[in-house]
Amino acid sequence: MHMTRTTVDVDKRALDAARRELGTNGLSETVNAALREAARHRVLKGFDVTRDIDGTPGEVAAGRERF
């Protein structure tokens, strides 16, 4: 995994809320988990039950290739 060191201003209340929600410890772990969750959310927004679950194996594979 490639990591980049940076300086950012972080909203402490939002960080604490995210830490509780994600079950993480520390700033870096929480920020990285939140970024992964945001990317996961984007993928799930494109999820189509008919295509991705009820489709043929070829249709399911084609749906996965979009990401």
Protein backbone atom coordinates (compact mmCIF):
# COMPACT_ATOMS: atom_id res chain seq x y z
CA MET A 1 0.00 0.00 0.00
CA HIS A 2 1.35 3.41 -0.94
CA MET A 3 1.02 6.03 1.78
CA THR A 4 1.40 9.80 1.50
CA ARG A 5 2.19 12.03 4.47
CA THR A 6 0.25 15.28 4.51
CA THR A 7 -1.01 17.99 6.83
CA VAL A 8 -4.75 18.58 7.05
CA ASP A 9 -7.13 20.40 9.38
CA VAL A 10 -9.56 17.85 10.81
CA ASP A 11 -12.90 18.57 12.45
CA LYS A 12 -12.45 16.92 15.88
CA ARG A 13 -16.17 16.23 16.33
CA ALA A 14 -16.39 14.59 12.91
CA LEU A 15 -13.22 12.60 13.63
CA ASP A 16 -14.58 11.39 16.97
CA ALA A 17 -17.91 10.43 15.39
CA ALA A 18 -16.15 8.58 12.56
CA ARG A 19 -13.85 6.84 15.03
CA ARG A 20 -16.84 5.56 17.03
CA GLU A 21 -18.72 4.51 13.89
CA LEU A 22 -15.75 2.75 12.29
CA GLY A 23 -14.31 1.30 15.49
CA THR A 24 -10.87 2.73 14.74
CA ASN A 25 -8.12 4.19 16.91
CA GLY A 26 -6.06 7.20 15.96
CA LEU A 27 -6.25 9.83 13.28
CA SER A 28 -4.55 8.00 10.42
CA GLU A 29 -6.47 4.76 10.95
CA THR A 30 -9.77 6.64 11.09
CA VAL A 31 -9.10 8.80 8.04
CA ASN A 32 -7.93 5.80 5.98
CA ALA A 33 -10.95 3.72 7.04
CA ALA A 34 -13.28 6.60 6.16
CA LEU A 35 -11.67 6.98 2.72
CA ARG A 36 -12.04 3.24 2.05
CA GLU A 37 -15.67 3.38 3.21
CA ALA A 38 -16.37 6.32 0.88
CA ALA A 39 -14.91 4.37 -2.06
CA ARG A 40 -16.93 1.28 -1.06
CA HIS A 41 -20.07 3.41 -0.91
CA ARG A 42 -19.44 4.62 -4.46
CA VAL A 43 -19.19 1.04 -5.72
CA LEU A 44 -22.36 0.01 -3.88
CA LYS A 45 -24.26 2.93 -5.42
CA GLY A 46 -23.71 1.24 -8.78
CA PHE A 47 -24.91 -2.14 -7.51
CA ASP A 48 -27.90 -3.51 -9.40
CA VAL A 49 -29.54 -6.53 -7.74
CA THR A 50 -31.05 -7.81 -10.98
CA ARG A 51 -27.79 -7.59 -12.89
CA ASP A 52 -25.33 -8.39 -10.11
CA ILE A 53 -27.23 -11.12 -8.26
CA ASP A 54 -29.94 -12.52 -10.51
CA GLY A 55 -27.96 -12.27 -13.74
CA THR A 56 -26.12 -15.02 -15.49
CA PRO A 57 -22.49 -15.59 -14.45
CA GLY A 58 -21.41 -13.63 -17.54
CA GLU A 59 -23.66 -10.69 -16.65
CA VAL A 60 -22.38 -10.66 -13.08
CA ALA A 61 -18.76 -10.72 -14.28
CA ALA A 62 -19.47 -7.89 -16.76
CA GLY A 63 -20.94 -5.80 -13.94
CA ARG A 64 -17.84 -6.32 -11.79
CA GLU A 65 -15.52 -5.26 -14.63
CA ARG A 66 -17.00 -1.74 -14.49
CA PHE A 67 -15.14 -1.08 -11.24
